Amino acid sequence: MTQTMLLIRGMKTMRTGTINRAELVELVETCAIRSARVVRVQEGWVAMVYDGHQEYVLTAAQSRQPKVFKGFATAINLLQRIGVARAEVDAGHSDERDRHAIDLAQFAEHDAWFRAEVRQALEEAEEANPRWINHTTVRSDGERRQGEWCETALGLVGERDGTIQIQYIADAIMRRVQHFKDATSEDESGRLTERAIRIDLFKYGAGPDDVLKVCGSLLLDLAEMSADRSLVPTALALQRIAVAYRAEQDELEETRHLVDAEHFAYAQQVRKLCIDFFYKSTPPNVRVDMSAHREAVAAARDAGGDPKILDALDRYLDEKKALAKIYLSVREHFGINHYYATAASLPTTKEIASAAETALADVMDRAGSFVPVRIALALKRT
């Protein structure tokens, strides 16, 4: 876990810490998490946890950058899988200016295009022999082409070749319904009107299976009321596609859950191997020796160095904390990337020892660079 300044578009800058998934699992296992929340930002949603002392934002395993989720439900599901049973949803951090920045840019682009089109049209109108097209002709031609596209899409129903356009299918059915309603009384077309309203609601908010299912039902009603049996095969095909699509989505969702479960089981096995290697071996497999640095700190204290800086160095040189950092670094090393790279093979003791040696060298190198600088600063402030 590190301390940093978190700055995400759409969210006010705050002093906070960062925590990756492995570190969060550790906190959850020790019952250290007091609360959690999912916060709305410009890019999506971020997950944040509070341990009673500081708030941390969940980061990606490798980049240490805040992990941004597309939907708040995804973030909540991840927290629940880790073991955080309850999380609040905070949608109050969106900046209105950031939220509309893209819309304003698109508006400016469209405005420039529209002005150029008008300018070109005026220039053409000033020519010696301008070519004028009647508005009625343009409108009827557009309606004709839209009808052709709709009927083409409706004709593709049942082919399952990925070319079906839900919007065109719904529009084609709505056009047929409107033609039928124009030729019948309001009472006879009441059921069709109810179905049509449901299509309008579904088109812009529900999944393709829901839209196709309602379209199929509406087309069956239309076939029954208009005595046009030729519509029945298309209606039944729509409903079959809806069922097949839903089955595919359910299968994909089940596969995702299985993969998540496999990842979690693998992570738990890696965790056990690392705990055995770092904490249960006799003698210890990894030794962190900060004695030389502690002696330098003690000498600086005797020389009257700034006690606040030196106290912070004593905490930094805590060998148990350093060992915990190495342990977490090794666990991250054998994370999801290793899972895929090795086809879910667990690391051997030799591989863990090699990763631990690398992490230990990194910790010692950092201490060798950091401690002398802080000691010099402590002595300078005397």
Protein backbone atom coordinates (compact mmCIF):
# COMPACT_ATOMS: atom_id res chain seq x y z
CA MET A 1 0.00 0.00 0.00
CA THR A 2 1.30 3.44 -0.89
CA GLN A 3 0.34 7.03 -0.17
CA THR A 4 -0.37 9.21 -3.16
CA MET A 5 -2.43 12.08 -4.49
CA LEU A 6 -5.40 10.63 -6.35
CA LEU A 7 -6.60 12.75 -9.28
CA ILE A 8 -9.27 11.25 -11.52
CA ARG A 9 -11.27 13.29 -13.99
CA GLY A 10 -14.60 14.14 -12.46
CA MET A 11 -13.40 13.58 -8.89
CA LYS A 12 -11.93 16.16 -6.54
CA THR A 13 -8.27 15.69 -5.64
CA MET A 14 -7.85 14.04 -2.26
CA ARG A 15 -5.05 12.66 -0.14
CA THR A 16 -5.53 8.92 -0.20
CA GLY A 17 -3.69 5.63 -0.39
CA THR A 18 -3.61 2.96 -3.04
CA ILE A 19 -4.15 -0.74 -2.52
CA ASN A 20 -4.08 -3.62 -4.96
CA ARG A 21 -6.27 -6.69 -4.83
CA ALA A 22 -3.76 -8.87 -3.00
CA GLU A 23 -3.27 -6.26 -0.27
CA LEU A 24 -7.02 -5.79 0.04
CA VAL A 25 -7.47 -9.54 0.53
CA GLU A 26 -4.95 -9.36 3.37
CA LEU A 27 -6.88 -6.54 5.07
CA VAL A 28 -10.18 -8.36 4.64
CA GLU A 29 -8.75 -11.55 6.12
CA THR A 30 -7.61 -9.62 9.21
CA CYS A 31 -11.05 -7.92 9.48
CA ALA A 32 -9.39 -4.51 9.10
CA ILE A 33 -11.88 -3.02 6.63
CA ARG A 34 -14.39 -0.72 8.34
CA SER A 35 -16.30 0.45 5.25
CA ALA A 36 -16.24 0.43 1.45
CA ARG A 37 -17.78 2.53 -1.25
CA VAL A 38 -17.97 2.69 -5.03
CA VAL A 39 -17.41 6.24 -6.30
CA ARG A 40 -18.57 7.72 -9.61
CA VAL A 41 -15.83 9.39 -11.66
CA GLN A 42 -15.75 10.69 -15.22
CA GLU A 43 -14.25 7.49 -16.66
CA GLY A 44 -16.58 5.14 -14.74
CA TRP A 45 -16.45 3.90 -11.13
CA VAL A 46 -13.65 3.27 -8.62
CA ALA A 47 -13.72 1.12 -5.48
CA MET A 48 -12.50 2.60 -2.19
CA VAL A 49 -12.06 1.03 1.25
CA TYR A 50 -11.46 2.52 4.71
CA ASP A 51 -9.51 0.74 7.46
CA GLY A 52 -10.28 3.17 10.28
CA HIS A 53 -7.19 5.31 9.65
CA GLN A 54 -7.01 6.00 5.95
CA GLU A 55 -9.00 5.51 2.76
CA TYR A 56 -7.52 3.50 -0.09
CA VAL A 57 -8.48 3.28 -3.75
CA LEU A 58 -8.28 -0.12 -5.43
CA THR A 59 -5.63 -0.21 -8.15
CA ALA A 60 -4.69 -2.50 -11.01
CA ALA A 61 -2.20 -5.19 -10.04
CA GLN A 62 0.64 -4.13 -12.32
CA SER A 63 0.23 -0.41 -13.05
CA ARG A 64 -0.71 0.76 -9.53
CA GLN A 65 -3.12 3.15 -11.22
CA PRO A 66 -6.74 3.37 -9.98
CA LYS A 67 -8.80 0.54 -11.44
CA VAL A 68 -11.78 2.09 -13.23
CA PHE A 69 -14.90 -0.05 -13.69
CA LYS A 70 -17.46 0.58 -16.41
CA GLY A 71 -20.40 -0.09 -14.07
CA PHE A 72 -20.84 0.18 -10.30
CA ALA A 73 -22.29 -3.35 -10.17
CA THR A 74 -19.00 -4.77 -11.48
CA ALA A 75 -17.05 -2.98 -8.75
CA ILE A 76 -19.46 -4.16 -6.05
CA ASN A 77 -19.30 -7.75 -7.30
CA LEU A 78 -15.50 -7.66 -7.14
CA LEU A 79 -15.56 -6.35 -3.57
CA GLN A 80 -18.04 -9.06 -2.58
CA ARG A 81 -15.87 -11.80 -4.12
CA ILE A 82 -12.91 -10.50 -2.13
CA GLY A 83 -15.00 -10.60 1.04
CA VAL A 84 -16.34 -7.06 1.48
CA ALA A 85 -20.00 -7.81 2.11
CA ARG A 86 -21.33 -4.24 2.06
CA ALA A 87 -20.42 -1.22 -0.08
CA GLU A 88 -22.05 2.18 -0.53
CA VAL A 89 -22.56 3.80 -3.93
CA ASP A 90 -21.43 7.43 -4.20
CA ALA A 91 -22.39 9.15 -7.46
CA GLY A 92 -21.74 12.68 -6.24
CA HIS A 93 -18.19 13.26 -7.51
CA SER A 94 -18.96 13.86 -11.17
CA ASP A 95 -17.96 17.33 -12.37
CA GLU A 96 -20.67 18.84 -14.55
CA ARG A 97 -18.10 20.53 -16.77
CA ASP A 98 -16.18 17.31 -17.36
CA ARG A 99 -19.40 15.42 -17.95
CA HIS A 100 -20.37 17.72 -20.82
CA ALA A 101 -16.89 18.32 -22.27
CA ILE A 102 -17.23 15.57 -24.88
CA ASP A 103 -20.77 16.68 -25.75
CA LEU A 104 -19.57 20.25 -26.27
CA ALA A 105 -16.71 19.10 -28.50
CA GLN A 106 -19.08 17.00 -30.58
CA PHE A 107 -21.50 19.92 -30.80
CA ALA A 108 -18.73 22.23 -32.02
CA GLU A 109 -17.68 19.68 -34.64
CA HIS A 110 -21.27 19.22 -35.84
CA ASP A 111 -21.83 22.99 -35.88
CA ALA A 112 -18.76 23.50 -38.08
CA TRP A 113 -19.92 20.74 -40.44
CA PHE A 114 -23.46 22.15 -40.61
CA ARG A 115 -22.24 25.68 -41.37
CA ALA A 116 -19.98 24.34 -44.13
CA GLU A 117 -22.92 22.44 -45.67
CA VAL A 118 -25.14 25.54 -45.57
CA ARG A 119 -22.37 27.67 -47.08
CA GLN A 120 -21.90 25.16 -49.89
CA ALA A 121 -25.66 25.02 -50.53
CA LEU A 122 -25.88 28.82 -50.73
CA GLU A 123 -22.96 28.94 -53.14
CA GLU A 124 -24.62 26.32 -55.35
CA ALA A 125 -27.87 28.28 -55.25
CA GLU A 126 -26.03 31.36 -56.56
CA GLU A 127 -24.75 29.48 -59.60
CA ALA A 128 -26.10 30.25 -63.07
CA ASN A 129 -28.03 26.99 -63.35
CA PRO A 130 -28.74 25.73 -59.83
CA ARG A 131 -30.16 22.23 -59.40
CA TRP A 132 -33.20 22.25 -57.10
CA ILE A 133 -34.73 19.13 -55.54
CA ASN A 134 -38.28 19.24 -54.23
CA HIS A 135 -38.56 18.65 -50.45
CA THR A 136 -41.41 16.18 -50.93
CA THR A 137 -39.22 14.14 -53.27
CA VAL A 138 -36.36 14.07 -50.76
CA ARG A 139 -38.65 13.04 -47.91
CA SER A 140 -40.41 10.30 -49.86
CA ASP A 141 -37.07 8.97 -51.11
CA GLY A 142 -35.75 8.84 -47.53
CA GLU A 143 -38.84 7.00 -46.30
CA ARG A 144 -38.57 4.55 -49.18
CA ARG A 145 -34.93 3.76 -48.40
CA GLN A 146 -35.68 3.41 -44.68
CA GLY A 147 -38.50 1.00 -45.49
CA GLU A 148 -36.17 -1.03 -47.70
CA TRP A 149 -33.57 -1.25 -44.93
CA CYS A 150 -36.23 -2.29 -42.42
CA GLU A 151 -37.67 -4.99 -44.65
CA THR A 152 -34.17 -6.24 -45.47
CA ALA A 153 -33.38 -6.55 -41.76
CA LEU A 154 -36.69 -8.31 -41.15
CA GLY A 155 -35.88 -10.72 -43.97
CA LEU A 156 -32.60 -11.62 -42.26
CA VAL A 157 -34.40 -12.95 -39.19
CA GLY A 158 -33.47 -16.57 -38.60
CA GLU A 159 -30.18 -16.53 -40.49
CA ARG A 160 -28.11 -16.05 -37.29
CA ASP A 161 -25.22 -14.62 -39.26
CA GLY A 162 -24.60 -11.62 -37.03
CA THR A 163 -26.11 -9.16 -39.53
CA ILE A 164 -29.47 -8.73 -37.80
CA GLN A 165 -30.10 -5.11 -36.85
CA ILE A 166 -32.48 -4.94 -33.87
CA GLN A 167 -33.33 -1.30 -34.55
CA TYR A 168 -34.39 -2.00 -38.14
CA ILE A 169 -36.38 -5.08 -37.12
CA ALA A 170 -38.30 -3.09 -34.52
CA ASP A 171 -38.85 -0.23 -36.98
CA ALA A 172 -40.06 -2.61 -39.70
CA ILE A 173 -42.60 -4.19 -37.35
CA MET A 174 -43.74 -0.79 -36.11
CA ARG A 175 -44.32 0.33 -39.70
CA ARG A 176 -46.49 -2.72 -40.38
CA VAL A 177 -48.39 -2.16 -37.14
CA GLN A 178 -49.04 1.46 -38.06
CA HIS A 179 -50.33 0.46 -41.50
CA PHE A 180 -52.69 -2.05 -39.88
CA LYS A 181 -53.88 0.47 -37.26
CA ASP A 182 -54.61 3.02 -39.97
CA ALA A 183 -56.95 0.51 -41.59
CA THR A 184 -58.75 -0.68 -38.42
CA SER A 185 -60.64 0.75 -35.48
CA GLU A 186 -58.93 1.86 -32.29
CA ASP A 187 -60.51 -0.94 -30.22
CA GLU A 188 -59.20 -3.64 -32.52
CA SER A 189 -55.64 -2.28 -32.43
CA GLY A 190 -55.47 -1.66 -28.66
CA ARG A 191 -53.40 -4.74 -27.93
CA LEU A 192 -50.98 -3.83 -30.72
CA THR A 193 -50.59 -0.32 -29.29
CA GLU A 194 -49.62 -1.77 -25.89
CA ARG A 195 -47.03 -4.04 -27.51
CA ALA A 196 -45.72 -1.17 -29.64
CA ILE A 197 -45.22 0.99 -26.54
CA ARG A 198 -43.24 -1.84 -24.95
CA ILE A 199 -41.01 -2.04 -28.03
CA ASP A 200 -40.28 1.69 -27.84
CA LEU A 201 -39.34 1.29 -24.18
CA PHE A 202 -37.22 -1.80 -24.82
CA LYS A 203 -35.35 -0.48 -27.85
CA TYR A 204 -33.37 2.03 -25.83
CA GLY A 205 -32.92 0.30 -22.50
CA ALA A 206 -33.07 -3.49 -22.61
CA GLY A 207 -31.06 -6.34 -24.05
CA PRO A 208 -31.50 -7.70 -27.58
CA ASP A 209 -33.28 -10.80 -26.30
CA ASP A 210 -35.99 -8.70 -24.61
CA VAL A 211 -36.49 -6.57 -27.73
CA LEU A 212 -36.67 -9.59 -30.03
CA LYS A 213 -39.08 -11.40 -27.72
CA VAL A 214 -41.51 -8.47 -27.66
CA CYS A 215 -41.09 -7.98 -31.42
CA GLY A 216 -42.00 -11.63 -31.96
CA SER A 217 -45.09 -11.35 -29.77
CA LEU A 218 -46.18 -8.18 -31.54
CA LEU A 219 -45.72 -9.79 -34.94
CA LEU A 220 -47.79 -12.82 -33.84
CA ASP A 221 -50.59 -10.50 -32.71
CA LEU A 222 -50.37 -8.65 -36.00
CA ALA A 223 -50.52 -11.93 -37.95
CA GLU A 224 -53.60 -13.02 -35.98
CA MET A 225 -55.46 -9.72 -36.25
CA SER A 226 -54.63 -9.11 -39.90
CA ALA A 227 -55.06 -12.78 -40.89
CA ASP A 228 -51.62 -12.65 -42.52
CA ARG A 229 -50.15 -16.08 -41.79
CA SER A 230 -46.96 -15.24 -43.70
CA LEU A 231 -45.81 -13.27 -40.65
CA VAL A 232 -45.92 -16.30 -38.31
CA PRO A 233 -42.59 -17.93 -39.35
CA THR A 234 -40.74 -14.64 -38.90
CA ALA A 235 -42.38 -14.07 -35.51
CA LEU A 236 -41.46 -17.56 -34.30
CA ALA A 237 -37.91 -17.11 -35.63
CA LEU A 238 -37.59 -13.88 -33.62
CA GLN A 239 -38.64 -15.65 -30.45
CA ARG A 240 -36.26 -18.57 -31.11
CA ILE A 241 -33.39 -16.13 -31.64
CA ALA A 242 -34.30 -14.36 -28.38
CA VAL A 243 -34.20 -17.64 -26.46
CA ALA A 244 -30.93 -18.70 -28.12
CA TYR A 245 -29.34 -15.31 -27.42
CA ARG A 246 -30.36 -15.46 -23.76
CA ALA A 247 -28.95 -18.98 -23.48
CA GLU A 248 -25.65 -17.81 -24.99
CA GLN A 249 -25.44 -14.90 -22.55
CA ASP A 250 -26.22 -17.16 -19.59
CA GLU A 251 -23.51 -19.57 -20.71
CA LEU A 252 -21.00 -16.73 -21.06
CA GLU A 253 -21.92 -15.42 -17.60
CA GLU A 254 -21.52 -18.89 -16.10
CA THR A 255 -18.14 -19.21 -17.81
CA ARG A 256 -17.05 -15.87 -16.36
CA HIS A 257 -18.07 -16.99 -12.87
CA LEU A 258 -16.15 -20.24 -13.31
CA VAL A 259 -13.05 -18.35 -14.47
CA ASP A 260 -13.32 -15.97 -11.50
CA ALA A 261 -13.66 -18.95 -9.16
CA GLU A 262 -10.61 -20.61 -10.73
CA HIS A 263 -8.60 -17.38 -10.38
CA PHE A 264 -9.59 -17.08 -6.72
CA ALA A 265 -8.73 -20.73 -5.99
CA TYR A 266 -5.36 -20.29 -7.71
CA ALA A 267 -4.63 -17.10 -5.75
CA GLN A 268 -5.45 -18.85 -2.48
CA GLN A 269 -3.08 -21.71 -3.32
CA VAL A 270 -0.31 -19.23 -4.18
CA ARG A 271 -1.00 -17.40 -0.93
CA LYS A 272 -0.60 -20.63 1.08
CA LEU A 273 2.65 -21.50 -0.70
CA CYS A 274 4.03 -18.01 0.00
CA ILE A 275 2.98 -18.08 3.66
CA ASP A 276 4.67 -21.46 4.11
CA PHE A 277 7.83 -20.18 2.41
CA PHE A 278 8.08 -16.84 4.25
CA TYR A 279 6.67 -17.53 7.70
CA LYS A 280 6.59 -21.27 8.46
CA SER A 281 10.08 -22.43 7.52
CA THR A 282 12.77 -23.10 10.11
CA PRO A 283 15.24 -21.49 9.74
CA PRO A 284 13.54 -18.64 7.83
CA ASN A 285 13.98 -18.72 4.07
CA VAL A 286 14.15 -14.92 3.86
CA ARG A 287 16.07 -12.69 6.27
CA VAL A 288 15.86 -8.91 6.14
CA ASP A 289 18.88 -7.31 7.84
CA MET A 290 18.55 -3.57 8.39
CA SER A 291 21.04 -3.44 11.28
CA ALA A 292 23.60 -1.31 9.41
CA HIS A 293 20.96 1.29 8.57
CA ARG A 294 19.61 1.27 12.14
CA GLU A 295 23.14 1.90 13.47
CA ALA A 296 23.44 4.88 11.12
CA VAL A 297 20.11 6.22 12.40
CA ALA A 298 21.25 5.76 16.02
CA ALA A 299 24.48 7.65 15.27
CA ALA A 300 22.49 10.49 13.71
CA ARG A 301 20.25 10.58 16.78
CA ASP A 302 23.31 10.85 19.03
CA ALA A 303 24.52 13.72 16.84
CA GLY A 304 21.28 15.62 17.51
CA GLY A 305 19.45 14.87 14.29
CA ASP A 306 15.79 15.80 13.81
CA PRO A 307 13.87 13.23 15.92
CA LYS A 308 10.78 13.26 13.71
CA ILE A 309 12.74 12.25 10.62
CA LEU A 310 14.73 9.65 12.55
CA ASP A 311 11.60 8.18 14.15
CA ALA A 312 10.08 7.82 10.69
CA LEU A 313 13.27 6.07 9.54
CA ASP A 314 13.03 3.63 12.45
CA ARG A 315 9.52 2.72 11.32
CA TYR A 316 10.70 2.44 7.72
CA LEU A 317 13.49 0.04 8.77
CA ASP A 318 11.13 -2.29 10.65
CA GLU A 319 12.25 -5.71 9.40
CA LYS A 320 8.82 -7.29 9.85
CA LYS A 321 7.24 -4.64 7.64
CA ALA A 322 9.99 -5.04 5.07
CA LEU A 323 9.42 -8.81 5.04
CA ALA A 324 5.68 -8.22 4.56
CA LYS A 325 6.44 -5.99 1.55
CA ILE A 326 8.61 -8.71 0.03
CA TYR A 327 5.90 -11.30 0.69
CA LEU A 328 3.25 -9.19 -1.06
CA SER A 329 5.59 -8.46 -3.96
CA VAL A 330 6.18 -12.17 -4.51
CA ARG A 331 2.45 -12.90 -4.34
CA GLU A 332 1.81 -10.23 -6.96
CA HIS A 333 4.57 -11.69 -9.11
CA PHE A 334 2.68 -14.99 -9.23
CA GLY A 335 -0.66 -13.31 -9.89
CA ILE A 336 -3.01 -13.38 -12.86
CA ASN A 337 -0.29 -12.88 -15.50
CA HIS A 338 1.60 -15.91 -14.21
CA TYR A 339 -1.68 -17.85 -14.12
CA TYR A 340 -2.20 -17.38 -17.86
CA ALA A 341 1.47 -17.55 -18.84
CA THR A 342 1.94 -20.96 -17.19
CA ALA A 343 -1.53 -22.42 -17.89
CA ALA A 344 -2.48 -22.19 -14.19
CA SER A 345 0.66 -23.99 -12.98
CA LEU A 346 1.53 -23.24 -9.36
CA PRO A 347 5.00 -21.81 -8.68
CA THR A 348 7.64 -24.16 -7.35
CA THR A 349 9.63 -23.50 -4.19
CA LYS A 350 12.64 -22.65 -6.36
CA GLU A 351 10.63 -20.07 -8.31
CA ILE A 352 9.30 -18.50 -5.10
CA ALA A 353 12.85 -18.35 -3.70
CA SER A 354 14.10 -16.65 -6.87
CA ALA A 355 11.29 -14.07 -6.79
CA ALA A 356 11.90 -13.47 -3.07
CA GLU A 357 15.62 -12.92 -3.70
CA THR A 358 14.82 -10.34 -6.38
CA ALA A 359 12.28 -8.56 -4.14
CA LEU A 360 14.71 -8.57 -1.19
CA ALA A 361 17.45 -7.04 -3.34
CA ASP A 362 15.02 -4.35 -4.48
CA VAL A 363 14.01 -3.51 -0.88
CA MET A 364 17.63 -3.30 0.23
CA ASP A 365 18.60 -1.15 -2.78
CA ARG A 366 15.76 1.25 -2.01
CA ALA A 367 16.79 1.44 1.63
CA GLY A 368 20.42 2.03 0.62
CA SER A 369 19.35 5.01 -1.48
CA PHE A 370 16.66 6.41 0.81
CA VAL A 371 18.15 6.18 4.32
CA PRO A 372 21.37 8.22 3.75
CA VAL A 373 19.37 11.04 2.14
CA ARG A 374 16.94 11.21 5.08
CA ILE A 375 19.76 11.04 7.62
CA ALA A 376 21.52 13.93 5.90
CA LEU A 377 18.28 15.92 6.02
CA ALA A 378 17.82 15.11 9.72
CA LEU A 379 21.34 16.32 10.53
CA LYS A 380 20.86 19.44 8.41
CA ARG A 381 17.84 20.48 10.50
CA THR A 382 19.75 20.38 13.79
